[in-house]
Amino acid sequence: MAEATGISPEALLAGRQGESRAERKHWAIMEAAMTVFLRNGYLGTSMDEVAAQAGVSKQTVYKHFADKERLFHEIVLGTTDTIDALFRAVAADLGATEDLEADLGRFARRLMAALTEPELLRLRRLIIAEADRFPELGRTWYERGFERVLGSLATSLRRLDERGLLDVDDPALAAAHFAGLLLWIPVNRVMFRGGRERVEEAELERLADAGVRVFLAAYGRPAR
């Protein structure tokens, strides 16, 4: 069974609420802005609507964020630690595995379930749509998010090569191959369909198992 990730506008910014009243209000505005930006897009979002969604005055929104561009940048970059944290511990455990195929499958299902979540796909579409307007933002989001996930996976694959469980000359390339085997079909399928469409869990399971088999056929070492 694919692991539930529970990604929502709130979950994407989870763990960042702070303790003071000002900090709580700051993150409440960011959560509200996330909801509005995902619903309306960048150009269709107004600070008035963000304020209404957050239940605060527009003056309060401007007190925390100088303008809409600054607010957009902060909510996008505020999601990157959450994305990385979803996989860092699982990838680290992978390097110490005693059952490589099973634990690769576990990582694969978690990765696929998270990266095909409708809310994360909506955020990805939004960032891509605004890539020409904010190219540095898109680059930074990729580097701090998905690229860090691949980096964590590459570190684990290097460890597995050192243990003699895999034959990996280029861990970064192998990590990209693994992610591509898993994500090419389901992510492209739902990216172009819009809405909140999900890939069926049984299909994710099938693709995860197939991706692991192909990866191990290419990078696995023969059993001694």
N, C-alpha and C. Protein backbone atom coordinates (compact mmCIF):
# COMPACT_ATOMS: atom_id res chain seq x y z
N MET A 1 0.84 -1.19 0.00
CA MET A 1 0.00 0.00 0.00
C MET A 1 0.87 1.24 0.00
N ALA A 2 0.55 2.23 -0.86
CA ALA A 2 1.30 3.48 -0.89
C ALA A 2 1.08 4.25 0.40
N GLU A 3 2.15 4.89 0.87
CA GLU A 3 2.04 5.63 2.12
C GLU A 3 1.33 6.95 1.89
N ALA A 4 0.39 7.28 2.77
CA ALA A 4 -0.28 8.57 2.68
C ALA A 4 0.68 9.67 3.09
N THR A 5 0.61 10.80 2.40
CA THR A 5 1.49 11.91 2.71
C THR A 5 0.74 13.10 3.29
N GLY A 6 -0.55 13.20 3.01
CA GLY A 6 -1.34 14.26 3.61
C GLY A 6 -0.89 15.64 3.21
N ILE A 7 -0.42 15.81 1.97
CA ILE A 7 0.05 17.12 1.54
C ILE A 7 -1.15 17.99 1.22
N SER A 8 -1.18 19.16 1.83
CA SER A 8 -2.22 20.16 1.63
C SER A 8 -1.53 21.50 1.69
N PRO A 9 -2.23 22.61 1.39
CA PRO A 9 -1.58 23.91 1.55
C PRO A 9 -0.99 24.09 2.94
N GLU A 10 -1.69 23.59 3.97
CA GLU A 10 -1.18 23.70 5.33
C GLU A 10 0.01 22.76 5.54
N ALA A 11 -0.11 21.52 5.03
CA ALA A 11 0.97 20.55 5.25
C ALA A 11 2.24 20.95 4.54
N LEU A 12 2.11 21.60 3.38
CA LEU A 12 3.30 22.03 2.66
C LEU A 12 4.12 23.04 3.45
N LEU A 13 3.46 23.74 4.37
CA LEU A 13 4.15 24.72 5.20
C LEU A 13 4.21 24.26 6.65
N ALA A 14 4.02 22.95 6.87
CA ALA A 14 3.94 22.43 8.24
C ALA A 14 5.24 22.64 8.98
N GLY A 15 5.11 22.75 10.30
CA GLY A 15 6.26 22.86 11.16
C GLY A 15 6.90 24.23 11.18
N ARG A 16 6.23 25.22 10.60
CA ARG A 16 6.83 26.54 10.49
C ARG A 16 5.98 27.59 11.19
N GLN A 17 5.14 27.16 12.13
CA GLN A 17 4.15 28.08 12.67
C GLN A 17 4.72 29.09 13.66
N GLY A 18 5.81 28.77 14.34
CA GLY A 18 6.35 29.70 15.32
C GLY A 18 5.55 29.70 16.60
N GLU A 19 6.00 30.49 17.57
CA GLU A 19 5.37 30.49 18.88
C GLU A 19 4.71 31.81 19.24
N SER A 20 5.25 32.92 18.78
CA SER A 20 4.68 34.21 19.15
C SER A 20 3.43 34.49 18.32
N ARG A 21 2.64 35.43 18.79
CA ARG A 21 1.43 35.80 18.06
C ARG A 21 1.76 36.30 16.67
N ALA A 22 2.82 37.10 16.56
CA ALA A 22 3.22 37.63 15.26
C ALA A 22 3.64 36.52 14.32
N GLU A 23 4.39 35.53 14.85
CA GLU A 23 4.82 34.42 14.02
C GLU A 23 3.63 33.59 13.56
N ARG A 24 2.69 33.35 14.45
CA ARG A 24 1.50 32.57 14.07
C ARG A 24 0.71 33.29 12.99
N LYS A 25 0.60 34.61 13.12
CA LYS A 25 -0.14 35.38 12.12
C LYS A 25 0.60 35.36 10.78
N HIS A 26 1.92 35.44 10.84
CA HIS A 26 2.74 35.40 9.63
C HIS A 26 2.46 34.12 8.84
N TRP A 27 2.50 32.98 9.54
CA TRP A 27 2.30 31.71 8.85
C TRP A 27 0.85 31.47 8.48
N ALA A 28 -0.08 32.06 9.22
CA ALA A 28 -1.49 31.99 8.83
C ALA A 28 -1.71 32.71 7.51
N ILE A 29 -1.04 33.85 7.34
CA ILE A 29 -1.14 34.58 6.08
C ILE A 29 -0.53 33.76 4.95
N MET A 30 0.60 33.11 5.22
CA MET A 30 1.23 32.29 4.19
C MET A 30 0.35 31.12 3.78
N GLU A 31 -0.29 30.47 4.75
CA GLU A 31 -1.19 29.36 4.42
C GLU A 31 -2.37 29.85 3.60
N ALA A 32 -2.91 31.00 3.98
CA ALA A 32 -4.02 31.57 3.21
C ALA A 32 -3.57 31.92 1.80
N ALA A 33 -2.39 32.50 1.68
CA ALA A 33 -1.87 32.87 0.36
C ALA A 33 -1.64 31.65 -0.50
N MET A 34 -1.15 30.57 0.10
CA MET A 34 -0.95 29.34 -0.65
C MET A 34 -2.28 28.88 -1.25
N THR A 35 -3.32 28.88 -0.45
CA THR A 35 -4.64 28.46 -0.93
C THR A 35 -5.10 29.33 -2.09
N VAL A 36 -4.95 30.65 -1.95
CA VAL A 36 -5.43 31.57 -2.98
C VAL A 36 -4.59 31.48 -4.25
N PHE A 37 -3.26 31.43 -4.11
CA PHE A 37 -2.41 31.32 -5.29
C PHE A 37 -2.69 30.03 -6.06
N LEU A 38 -2.87 28.92 -5.35
CA LEU A 38 -3.15 27.66 -6.03
C LEU A 38 -4.51 27.70 -6.73
N ARG A 39 -5.43 28.41 -6.16
CA ARG A 39 -6.77 28.50 -6.74
C ARG A 39 -6.82 29.46 -7.93
N ASN A 40 -6.15 30.61 -7.80
CA ASN A 40 -6.32 31.69 -8.78
C ASN A 40 -5.12 31.94 -9.67
N GLY A 41 -3.96 31.34 -9.34
CA GLY A 41 -2.75 31.69 -10.06
C GLY A 41 -2.18 33.00 -9.55
N TYR A 42 -0.98 33.31 -10.03
CA TYR A 42 -0.31 34.52 -9.53
C TYR A 42 -1.04 35.78 -9.94
N LEU A 43 -1.33 35.94 -11.23
CA LEU A 43 -1.97 37.16 -11.70
C LEU A 43 -3.38 37.31 -11.15
N GLY A 44 -4.06 36.20 -10.91
CA GLY A 44 -5.43 36.27 -10.43
C GLY A 44 -5.58 36.47 -8.94
N THR A 45 -4.47 36.54 -8.23
CA THR A 45 -4.50 36.69 -6.77
C THR A 45 -4.31 38.14 -6.38
N SER A 46 -5.12 38.61 -5.44
CA SER A 46 -4.97 39.96 -4.89
C SER A 46 -4.67 39.88 -3.40
N MET A 47 -4.02 40.90 -2.89
CA MET A 47 -3.73 40.95 -1.47
C MET A 47 -5.01 41.07 -0.67
N ASP A 48 -6.05 41.67 -1.25
CA ASP A 48 -7.35 41.75 -0.56
C ASP A 48 -7.90 40.35 -0.31
N GLU A 49 -7.80 39.48 -1.33
CA GLU A 49 -8.33 38.13 -1.18
C GLU A 49 -7.51 37.32 -0.19
N VAL A 50 -6.20 37.52 -0.20
CA VAL A 50 -5.35 36.85 0.78
C VAL A 50 -5.73 37.27 2.19
N ALA A 51 -5.94 38.56 2.38
CA ALA A 51 -6.32 39.07 3.70
C ALA A 51 -7.65 38.47 4.15
N ALA A 52 -8.62 38.41 3.23
CA ALA A 52 -9.92 37.83 3.57
C ALA A 52 -9.79 36.35 3.92
N GLN A 53 -8.98 35.61 3.16
CA GLN A 53 -8.78 34.18 3.42
C GLN A 53 -8.12 33.97 4.78
N ALA A 54 -7.20 34.87 5.15
CA ALA A 54 -6.49 34.74 6.41
C ALA A 54 -7.26 35.31 7.60
N GLY A 55 -8.32 36.06 7.32
CA GLY A 55 -9.09 36.67 8.40
C GLY A 55 -8.37 37.83 9.06
N VAL A 56 -7.56 38.56 8.27
CA VAL A 56 -6.85 39.73 8.80
C VAL A 56 -7.08 40.89 7.86
N SER A 57 -6.62 42.08 8.25
CA SER A 57 -6.76 43.25 7.39
C SER A 57 -5.67 43.24 6.32
N LYS A 58 -5.94 43.98 5.23
CA LYS A 58 -4.91 44.08 4.19
C LYS A 58 -3.66 44.77 4.74
N GLN A 59 -3.85 45.72 5.66
CA GLN A 59 -2.69 46.38 6.27
C GLN A 59 -1.81 45.39 7.02
N THR A 60 -2.44 44.41 7.64
CA THR A 60 -1.67 43.38 8.35
C THR A 60 -0.86 42.54 7.38
N VAL A 61 -1.46 42.19 6.24
CA VAL A 61 -0.73 41.43 5.24
C VAL A 61 0.50 42.21 4.78
N TYR A 62 0.32 43.51 4.50
CA TYR A 62 1.45 44.32 4.04
C TYR A 62 2.48 44.55 5.13
N LYS A 63 2.05 44.48 6.37
CA LYS A 63 3.01 44.61 7.47
C LYS A 63 3.98 43.43 7.48
N HIS A 64 3.48 42.26 7.09
CA HIS A 64 4.31 41.06 7.08
C HIS A 64 5.02 40.85 5.75
N PHE A 65 4.41 41.29 4.66
CA PHE A 65 4.97 41.06 3.33
C PHE A 65 4.86 42.35 2.52
N ALA A 66 5.97 42.81 1.98
CA ALA A 66 6.03 44.11 1.33
C ALA A 66 5.10 44.20 0.12
N ASP A 67 4.96 43.10 -0.62
CA ASP A 67 4.12 43.11 -1.81
C ASP A 67 3.78 41.68 -2.20
N LYS A 68 2.98 41.54 -3.24
CA LYS A 68 2.53 40.21 -3.66
C LYS A 68 3.69 39.36 -4.13
N GLU A 69 4.66 39.94 -4.81
CA GLU A 69 5.80 39.17 -5.29
C GLU A 69 6.59 38.58 -4.12
N ARG A 70 6.82 39.38 -3.08
CA ARG A 70 7.54 38.88 -1.92
C ARG A 70 6.76 37.74 -1.24
N LEU A 71 5.46 37.91 -1.15
CA LEU A 71 4.62 36.88 -0.54
C LEU A 71 4.68 35.59 -1.35
N PHE A 72 4.60 35.70 -2.66
CA PHE A 72 4.66 34.54 -3.53
C PHE A 72 5.98 33.80 -3.37
N HIS A 73 7.08 34.54 -3.35
CA HIS A 73 8.39 33.93 -3.16
C HIS A 73 8.47 33.19 -1.83
N GLU A 74 7.96 33.79 -0.79
CA GLU A 74 8.09 33.16 0.53
C GLU A 74 7.26 31.89 0.65
N ILE A 75 6.06 31.87 0.08
CA ILE A 75 5.26 30.65 0.21
C ILE A 75 5.84 29.52 -0.64
N VAL A 76 6.37 29.85 -1.81
CA VAL A 76 6.97 28.81 -2.65
C VAL A 76 8.21 28.23 -1.98
N LEU A 77 9.11 29.08 -1.53
CA LEU A 77 10.33 28.59 -0.91
C LEU A 77 10.07 27.99 0.47
N GLY A 78 8.96 28.38 1.10
CA GLY A 78 8.61 27.81 2.39
C GLY A 78 8.20 26.35 2.33
N THR A 79 7.96 25.84 1.11
CA THR A 79 7.56 24.43 0.97
C THR A 79 8.75 23.49 0.80
N THR A 80 9.94 24.03 0.51
CA THR A 80 11.03 23.15 0.11
C THR A 80 11.52 22.26 1.24
N ASP A 81 11.56 22.76 2.47
CA ASP A 81 12.03 21.93 3.58
C ASP A 81 11.07 20.78 3.84
N THR A 82 9.77 21.04 3.67
CA THR A 82 8.78 19.98 3.86
C THR A 82 8.97 18.87 2.84
N ILE A 83 9.19 19.24 1.59
CA ILE A 83 9.39 18.24 0.54
C ILE A 83 10.64 17.41 0.83
N ASP A 84 11.73 18.07 1.19
CA ASP A 84 12.97 17.36 1.49
C ASP A 84 12.81 16.44 2.68
N ALA A 85 12.12 16.93 3.72
CA ALA A 85 11.96 16.14 4.95
C ALA A 85 11.14 14.88 4.73
N LEU A 86 10.26 14.89 3.72
CA LEU A 86 9.44 13.72 3.45
C LEU A 86 10.30 12.50 3.11
N PHE A 87 11.50 12.72 2.57
CA PHE A 87 12.29 11.63 2.03
C PHE A 87 13.65 11.45 2.68
N ARG A 88 14.15 12.46 3.37
CA ARG A 88 15.53 12.38 3.87
C ARG A 88 15.71 11.16 4.78
N ALA A 89 14.80 10.97 5.74
CA ALA A 89 14.96 9.86 6.68
C ALA A 89 14.82 8.51 5.98
N VAL A 90 13.88 8.42 5.04
CA VAL A 90 13.68 7.16 4.32
C VAL A 90 14.90 6.84 3.48
N ALA A 91 15.47 7.86 2.81
CA ALA A 91 16.65 7.64 1.99
C ALA A 91 17.83 7.23 2.85
N ALA A 92 17.96 7.83 4.03
CA ALA A 92 19.06 7.48 4.93
C ALA A 92 18.94 6.04 5.39
N ASP A 93 17.73 5.61 5.72
CA ASP A 93 17.51 4.22 6.13
C ASP A 93 17.85 3.25 5.01
N LEU A 94 17.64 3.68 3.77
CA LEU A 94 17.89 2.81 2.62
C LEU A 94 19.35 2.36 2.56
N GLY A 95 20.26 3.26 2.93
CA GLY A 95 21.67 2.91 2.88
C GLY A 95 22.07 1.80 3.82
N ALA A 96 21.27 1.58 4.87
CA ALA A 96 21.58 0.54 5.85
C ALA A 96 20.68 -0.69 5.69
N THR A 97 20.00 -0.80 4.56
CA THR A 97 19.01 -1.86 4.37
C THR A 97 19.59 -3.26 4.50
N GLU A 98 18.76 -4.17 4.95
CA GLU A 98 19.06 -5.60 4.94
C GLU A 98 18.18 -6.32 3.93
N ASP A 99 17.27 -5.59 3.31
CA ASP A 99 16.38 -6.16 2.29
C ASP A 99 16.23 -5.12 1.20
N LEU A 100 17.16 -5.10 0.27
CA LEU A 100 17.27 -4.02 -0.71
C LEU A 100 16.01 -3.86 -1.55
N GLU A 101 15.50 -4.93 -2.11
CA GLU A 101 14.34 -4.79 -2.99
C GLU A 101 13.13 -4.27 -2.22
N ALA A 102 12.90 -4.77 -1.01
CA ALA A 102 11.75 -4.32 -0.23
C ALA A 102 11.88 -2.85 0.15
N ASP A 103 13.08 -2.42 0.57
CA ASP A 103 13.25 -1.04 1.01
C ASP A 103 13.31 -0.07 -0.15
N LEU A 104 13.84 -0.49 -1.29
CA LEU A 104 13.73 0.34 -2.49
C LEU A 104 12.26 0.53 -2.86
N GLY A 105 11.49 -0.54 -2.75
CA GLY A 105 10.06 -0.44 -3.03
C GLY A 105 9.36 0.51 -2.08
N ARG A 106 9.74 0.47 -0.80
CA ARG A 106 9.15 1.38 0.18
C ARG A 106 9.45 2.83 -0.18
N PHE A 107 10.71 3.10 -0.49
CA PHE A 107 11.08 4.46 -0.89
C PHE A 107 10.33 4.87 -2.16
N ALA A 108 10.26 3.96 -3.14
CA ALA A 108 9.59 4.25 -4.40
C ALA A 108 8.13 4.62 -4.18
N ARG A 109 7.43 3.85 -3.36
CA ARG A 109 6.01 4.13 -3.14
C ARG A 109 5.81 5.47 -2.43
N ARG A 110 6.69 5.77 -1.47
CA ARG A 110 6.57 7.04 -0.76
C ARG A 110 6.83 8.21 -1.72
N LEU A 111 7.86 8.09 -2.54
CA LEU A 111 8.17 9.15 -3.49
C LEU A 111 7.02 9.37 -4.47
N MET A 112 6.50 8.28 -5.01
CA MET A 112 5.44 8.40 -6.01
C MET A 112 4.16 8.95 -5.39
N ALA A 113 3.82 8.47 -4.20
CA ALA A 113 2.60 8.95 -3.55
C ALA A 113 2.67 10.44 -3.27
N ALA A 114 3.84 10.91 -2.82
CA ALA A 114 3.98 12.33 -2.48
C ALA A 114 3.97 13.20 -3.73
N LEU A 115 4.74 12.81 -4.75
CA LEU A 115 4.91 13.68 -5.90
C LEU A 115 3.75 13.60 -6.89
N THR A 116 2.77 12.75 -6.64
CA THR A 116 1.54 12.77 -7.43
C THR A 116 0.36 13.30 -6.61
N GLU A 117 0.64 13.84 -5.41
CA GLU A 117 -0.44 14.47 -4.63
C GLU A 117 -0.97 15.69 -5.37
N PRO A 118 -2.29 15.83 -5.48
CA PRO A 118 -2.85 16.96 -6.24
C PRO A 118 -2.34 18.33 -5.80
N GLU A 119 -2.20 18.57 -4.50
CA GLU A 119 -1.78 19.90 -4.06
C GLU A 119 -0.34 20.20 -4.49
N LEU A 120 0.53 19.21 -4.42
CA LEU A 120 1.90 19.44 -4.84
C LEU A 120 1.98 19.62 -6.36
N LEU A 121 1.16 18.89 -7.10
CA LEU A 121 1.13 19.07 -8.55
C LEU A 121 0.60 20.45 -8.92
N ARG A 122 -0.39 20.93 -8.18
CA ARG A 122 -0.90 22.29 -8.44
C ARG A 122 0.18 23.32 -8.19
N LEU A 123 0.96 23.14 -7.12
CA LEU A 123 2.06 24.06 -6.84
C LEU A 123 3.09 23.99 -7.96
N ARG A 124 3.40 22.79 -8.40
CA ARG A 124 4.38 22.63 -9.47
C ARG A 124 3.91 23.32 -10.74
N ARG A 125 2.63 23.15 -11.09
CA ARG A 125 2.09 23.82 -12.27
C ARG A 125 2.21 25.34 -12.13
N LEU A 126 1.92 25.84 -10.94
CA LEU A 126 1.98 27.28 -10.70
C LEU A 126 3.41 27.80 -10.89
N ILE A 127 4.38 27.09 -10.33
CA ILE A 127 5.78 27.52 -10.46
C ILE A 127 6.23 27.48 -11.91
N ILE A 128 5.84 26.44 -12.64
CA ILE A 128 6.19 26.34 -14.06
C ILE A 128 5.53 27.47 -14.84
N ALA A 129 4.27 27.76 -14.53
CA ALA A 129 3.56 28.82 -15.24
C ALA A 129 4.23 30.18 -15.06
N GLU A 130 4.86 30.38 -13.91
CA GLU A 130 5.49 31.67 -13.61
C GLU A 130 7.01 31.63 -13.78
N ALA A 131 7.53 30.57 -14.43
CA ALA A 131 8.98 30.42 -14.54
C ALA A 131 9.62 31.54 -15.36
N ASP A 132 8.95 32.05 -16.40
CA ASP A 132 9.51 33.15 -17.17
C ASP A 132 9.49 34.45 -16.38
N ARG A 133 8.47 34.63 -15.55
CA ARG A 133 8.38 35.85 -14.74
C ARG A 133 9.38 35.80 -13.58
N PHE A 134 9.52 34.60 -12.97
CA PHE A 134 10.40 34.44 -11.80
C PHE A 134 11.34 33.25 -12.01
N PRO A 135 12.27 33.34 -12.96
CA PRO A 135 13.13 32.18 -13.26
C PRO A 135 13.99 31.75 -12.07
N GLU A 136 14.47 32.69 -11.28
CA GLU A 136 15.32 32.32 -10.15
C GLU A 136 14.52 31.58 -9.09
N LEU A 137 13.26 31.95 -8.94
CA LEU A 137 12.41 31.27 -7.96
C LEU A 137 12.22 29.81 -8.35
N GLY A 138 11.92 29.54 -9.62
CA GLY A 138 11.74 28.17 -10.07
C GLY A 138 13.02 27.36 -9.91
N ARG A 139 14.14 27.97 -10.24
CA ARG A 139 15.42 27.28 -10.10
C ARG A 139 15.71 26.94 -8.64
N THR A 140 15.46 27.89 -7.76
CA THR A 140 15.73 27.67 -6.34
C THR A 140 14.80 26.62 -5.76
N TRP A 141 13.53 26.64 -6.16
CA TRP A 141 12.57 25.64 -5.65
C TRP A 141 13.00 24.24 -6.07
N TYR A 142 13.45 24.10 -7.30
CA TYR A 142 13.91 22.79 -7.76
C TYR A 142 15.14 22.35 -6.98
N GLU A 143 16.11 23.26 -6.83
CA GLU A 143 17.36 22.90 -6.16
C GLU A 143 17.15 22.54 -4.70
N ARG A 144 16.29 23.28 -4.00
CA ARG A 144 16.07 23.04 -2.57
C ARG A 144 15.10 21.91 -2.32
N GLY A 145 14.30 21.57 -3.33
CA GLY A 145 13.29 20.53 -3.16
C GLY A 145 13.70 19.23 -3.80
N PHE A 146 13.30 19.02 -5.04
CA PHE A 146 13.50 17.73 -5.69
C PHE A 146 14.98 17.39 -5.83
N GLU A 147 15.82 18.39 -6.11
CA GLU A 147 17.25 18.09 -6.27
C GLU A 147 17.86 17.61 -4.95
N ARG A 148 17.39 18.13 -3.81
CA ARG A 148 17.89 17.65 -2.53
C ARG A 148 17.43 16.22 -2.28
N VAL A 149 16.20 15.90 -2.71
CA VAL A 149 15.72 14.53 -2.60
C VAL A 149 16.64 13.59 -3.38
N LEU A 150 16.98 13.98 -4.61
CA LEU A 150 17.88 13.15 -5.42
C LEU A 150 19.26 13.06 -4.77
N GLY A 151 19.70 14.14 -4.14
CA GLY A 151 21.00 14.11 -3.46
C GLY A 151 21.01 13.13 -2.30
N SER A 152 19.92 13.11 -1.52
CA SER A 152 19.82 12.16 -0.42
C SER A 152 19.81 10.73 -0.94
N LEU A 153 19.07 10.50 -2.02
CA LEU A 153 19.02 9.17 -2.62
C LEU A 153 20.39 8.76 -3.16
N ALA A 154 21.09 9.70 -3.81
CA ALA A 154 22.41 9.39 -4.36
C ALA A 154 23.38 8.99 -3.26
N THR A 155 23.30 9.65 -2.11
CA THR A 155 24.17 9.29 -0.99
C THR A 155 23.91 7.86 -0.54
N SER A 156 22.63 7.48 -0.49
CA SER A 156 22.30 6.12 -0.09
C SER A 156 22.74 5.10 -1.14
N LEU A 157 22.60 5.45 -2.41
CA LEU A 157 23.04 4.53 -3.47
C LEU A 157 24.55 4.34 -3.44
N ARG A 158 25.29 5.41 -3.13
CA ARG A 158 26.74 5.27 -2.99
C ARG A 158 27.08 4.30 -1.86
N ARG A 159 26.35 4.42 -0.75
CA ARG A 159 26.58 3.53 0.39
C ARG A 159 26.27 2.08 0.00
N LEU A 160 25.22 1.87 -0.76
CA LEU A 160 24.87 0.52 -1.20
C LEU A 160 25.91 -0.04 -2.16
N ASP A 161 26.51 0.81 -2.98
CA ASP A 161 27.60 0.37 -3.84
C ASP A 161 28.80 -0.05 -2.99
N GLU A 162 29.12 0.75 -1.96
CA GLU A 162 30.25 0.42 -1.08
C GLU A 162 30.02 -0.90 -0.34
N ARG A 163 28.76 -1.22 -0.06
CA ARG A 163 28.44 -2.46 0.63
C ARG A 163 28.37 -3.65 -0.33
N GLY A 164 28.51 -3.38 -1.62
CA GLY A 164 28.48 -4.45 -2.60
C GLY A 164 27.09 -4.89 -3.00
N LEU A 165 26.07 -4.09 -2.66
CA LEU A 165 24.69 -4.45 -3.00
C LEU A 165 24.26 -3.90 -4.35
N LEU A 166 24.90 -2.83 -4.80
CA LEU A 166 24.62 -2.25 -6.10
C LEU A 166 25.95 -2.01 -6.82
N ASP A 167 25.87 -1.84 -8.14
CA ASP A 167 27.03 -1.49 -8.95
C ASP A 167 26.75 -0.11 -9.55
N VAL A 168 27.21 0.92 -8.85
CA VAL A 168 26.85 2.30 -9.19
C VAL A 168 28.12 3.12 -9.38
N ASP A 169 28.43 3.47 -10.63
CA ASP A 169 29.59 4.32 -10.90
C ASP A 169 29.28 5.79 -10.66
N ASP A 170 28.07 6.21 -10.96
CA ASP A 170 27.66 7.61 -10.84
C ASP A 170 26.37 7.66 -10.01
N PRO A 171 26.48 7.84 -8.69
CA PRO A 171 25.29 7.79 -7.84
C PRO A 171 24.24 8.84 -8.21
N ALA A 172 24.68 10.04 -8.60
CA ALA A 172 23.70 11.08 -8.95
C ALA A 172 22.90 10.67 -10.18
N LEU A 173 23.58 10.12 -11.17
CA LEU A 173 22.87 9.67 -12.38
C LEU A 173 21.97 8.49 -12.06
N ALA A 174 22.43 7.57 -11.23
CA ALA A 174 21.59 6.43 -10.86
C ALA A 174 20.34 6.89 -10.11
N ALA A 175 20.48 7.89 -9.23
CA ALA A 175 19.32 8.42 -8.52
C ALA A 175 18.32 9.02 -9.50
N ALA A 176 18.83 9.75 -10.50
CA ALA A 176 17.94 10.33 -11.51
C ALA A 176 17.27 9.25 -12.34
N HIS A 177 18.00 8.18 -12.67
CA HIS A 177 17.39 7.07 -13.41
C HIS A 177 16.26 6.44 -12.60
N PHE A 178 16.51 6.23 -11.30
CA PHE A 178 15.49 5.62 -10.45
C PHE A 178 14.23 6.49 -10.39
N ALA A 179 14.43 7.79 -10.17
CA ALA A 179 13.28 8.69 -10.11
C ALA A 179 12.54 8.74 -11.44
N GLY A 180 13.28 8.73 -12.54
CA GLY A 180 12.64 8.76 -13.85
C GLY A 180 11.80 7.52 -14.12
N LEU A 181 12.33 6.36 -13.75
CA LEU A 181 11.57 5.12 -13.92
C LEU A 181 10.24 5.17 -13.19
N LEU A 182 10.25 5.81 -12.01
CA LEU A 182 9.05 5.85 -11.18
C LEU A 182 8.06 6.91 -11.61
N LEU A 183 8.57 8.08 -11.99
CA LEU A 183 7.71 9.26 -12.07
C LEU A 183 7.31 9.67 -13.48
N TRP A 184 8.03 9.21 -14.48
CA TRP A 184 7.73 9.68 -15.83
C TRP A 184 6.26 9.45 -16.21
N ILE A 185 5.77 8.25 -16.00
CA ILE A 185 4.39 7.95 -16.42
C ILE A 185 3.36 8.65 -15.54
N PRO A 186 3.34 8.44 -14.22
CA PRO A 186 2.24 9.02 -13.43
C PRO A 186 2.25 10.54 -13.34
N VAL A 187 3.43 11.15 -13.21
CA VAL A 187 3.47 12.61 -13.07
C VAL A 187 3.05 13.28 -14.37
N ASN A 188 3.56 12.81 -15.50
CA ASN A 188 3.15 13.41 -16.76
C ASN A 188 1.66 13.18 -17.03
N ARG A 189 1.16 12.04 -16.62
CA ARG A 189 -0.26 11.75 -16.85
C ARG A 189 -1.15 12.77 -16.14
N VAL A 190 -0.82 13.09 -14.89
CA VAL A 190 -1.71 13.97 -14.13
C VAL A 190 -1.35 15.45 -14.28
N MET A 191 -0.10 15.77 -14.64
CA MET A 191 0.28 17.18 -14.78
C MET A 191 -0.55 17.89 -15.84
N PHE A 192 -0.91 17.18 -16.90
CA PHE A 192 -1.60 17.81 -18.02
C PHE A 192 -3.13 17.76 -17.89
N ARG A 193 -3.62 17.11 -16.86
CA ARG A 193 -5.06 16.93 -16.75
C ARG A 193 -5.73 17.92 -15.82
N GLY A 194 -4.94 18.62 -15.00
CA GLY A 194 -5.49 19.64 -14.13
C GLY A 194 -6.37 19.07 -13.04
N GLY A 195 -7.03 19.97 -12.33
CA GLY A 195 -7.93 19.56 -11.27
C GLY A 195 -7.20 18.86 -10.15
N ARG A 196 -7.90 17.95 -9.48
CA ARG A 196 -7.34 17.22 -8.35
C ARG A 196 -7.25 15.73 -8.64
N GLU A 197 -7.01 15.41 -9.89
CA GLU A 197 -6.97 14.00 -10.30
C GLU A 197 -5.82 13.28 -9.61
N ARG A 198 -6.07 12.06 -9.19
CA ARG A 198 -5.06 11.22 -8.57
C ARG A 198 -4.81 9.99 -9.43
N VAL A 199 -3.61 9.47 -9.33
CA VAL A 199 -3.31 8.17 -9.92
C VAL A 199 -3.81 7.12 -8.95
N GLU A 200 -4.50 6.11 -9.47
CA GLU A 200 -5.02 5.06 -8.61
C GLU A 200 -3.90 4.37 -7.84
N GLU A 201 -4.17 4.03 -6.58
CA GLU A 201 -3.15 3.41 -5.73
C GLU A 201 -2.61 2.13 -6.35
N ALA A 202 -3.48 1.33 -6.93
CA ALA A 202 -3.03 0.07 -7.55
C ALA A 202 -2.07 0.34 -8.69
N GLU A 203 -2.31 1.41 -9.44
CA GLU A 203 -1.42 1.75 -10.54
C GLU A 203 -0.06 2.23 -10.02
N LEU A 204 -0.06 3.02 -8.93
CA LEU A 204 1.19 3.43 -8.32
C LEU A 204 1.99 2.22 -7.83
N GLU A 205 1.30 1.28 -7.23
CA GLU A 205 1.96 0.05 -6.76
C GLU A 205 2.60 -0.70 -7.93
N ARG A 206 1.85 -0.83 -9.01
CA ARG A 206 2.35 -1.56 -10.18
C ARG A 206 3.57 -0.87 -10.76
N LEU A 207 3.51 0.46 -10.90
CA LEU A 207 4.63 1.21 -11.46
C LEU A 207 5.84 1.20 -10.54
N ALA A 208 5.60 1.25 -9.23
CA ALA A 208 6.70 1.21 -8.26
C ALA A 208 7.43 -0.13 -8.35
N ASP A 209 6.69 -1.21 -8.35
CA ASP A 209 7.30 -2.54 -8.42
C ASP A 209 8.08 -2.72 -9.71
N ALA A 210 7.49 -2.26 -10.83
CA ALA A 210 8.17 -2.39 -12.12
C ALA A 210 9.43 -1.55 -12.16
N GLY A 211 9.36 -0.32 -11.61
CA GLY A 211 10.52 0.56 -11.60
C GLY A 211 11.67 -0.03 -10.79
N VAL A 212 11.36 -0.61 -9.65
CA VAL A 212 12.39 -1.22 -8.81
C VAL A 212 13.02 -2.40 -9.55
N ARG A 213 12.22 -3.22 -10.21
CA ARG A 213 12.76 -4.39 -10.93
C ARG A 213 13.72 -3.95 -12.03
N VAL A 214 13.33 -2.93 -12.79
CA VAL A 214 14.18 -2.46 -13.88
C VAL A 214 15.46 -1.83 -13.32
N PHE A 215 15.33 -1.06 -12.25
CA PHE A 215 16.51 -0.44 -11.64
C PHE A 215 17.50 -1.50 -11.16
N LEU A 216 16.98 -2.52 -10.50
CA LEU A 216 17.87 -3.57 -9.99
C LEU A 216 18.47 -4.40 -11.13
N ALA A 217 17.74 -4.54 -12.23
CA ALA A 217 18.31 -5.24 -13.39
C ALA A 217 19.48 -4.47 -13.97
N ALA A 218 19.42 -3.14 -13.89
CA ALA A 218 20.50 -2.32 -14.43
C ALA A 218 21.65 -2.12 -13.45
N TYR A 219 21.33 -1.99 -12.16
CA TYR A 219 22.34 -1.59 -11.16
C TYR A 219 22.61 -2.64 -10.09
N GLY A 220 21.83 -3.70 -10.07
CA GLY A 220 22.04 -4.70 -9.03
C GLY A 220 23.27 -5.57 -9.28
N ARG A 221 23.85 -6.07 -8.22
CA ARG A 221 24.96 -7.02 -8.34
C ARG A 221 24.40 -8.43 -8.26
N PRO A 222 24.91 -9.35 -9.05
CA PRO A 222 24.44 -10.74 -8.98
C PRO A 222 24.66 -11.30 -7.58
N ALA A 223 23.71 -12.08 -7.09
CA ALA A 223 23.84 -12.72 -5.78
C ALA A 223 25.00 -13.71 -5.82
N ARG A 224 25.80 -13.72 -4.74
CA ARG A 224 26.94 -14.63 -4.68
C ARG A 224 26.55 -15.97 -4.08
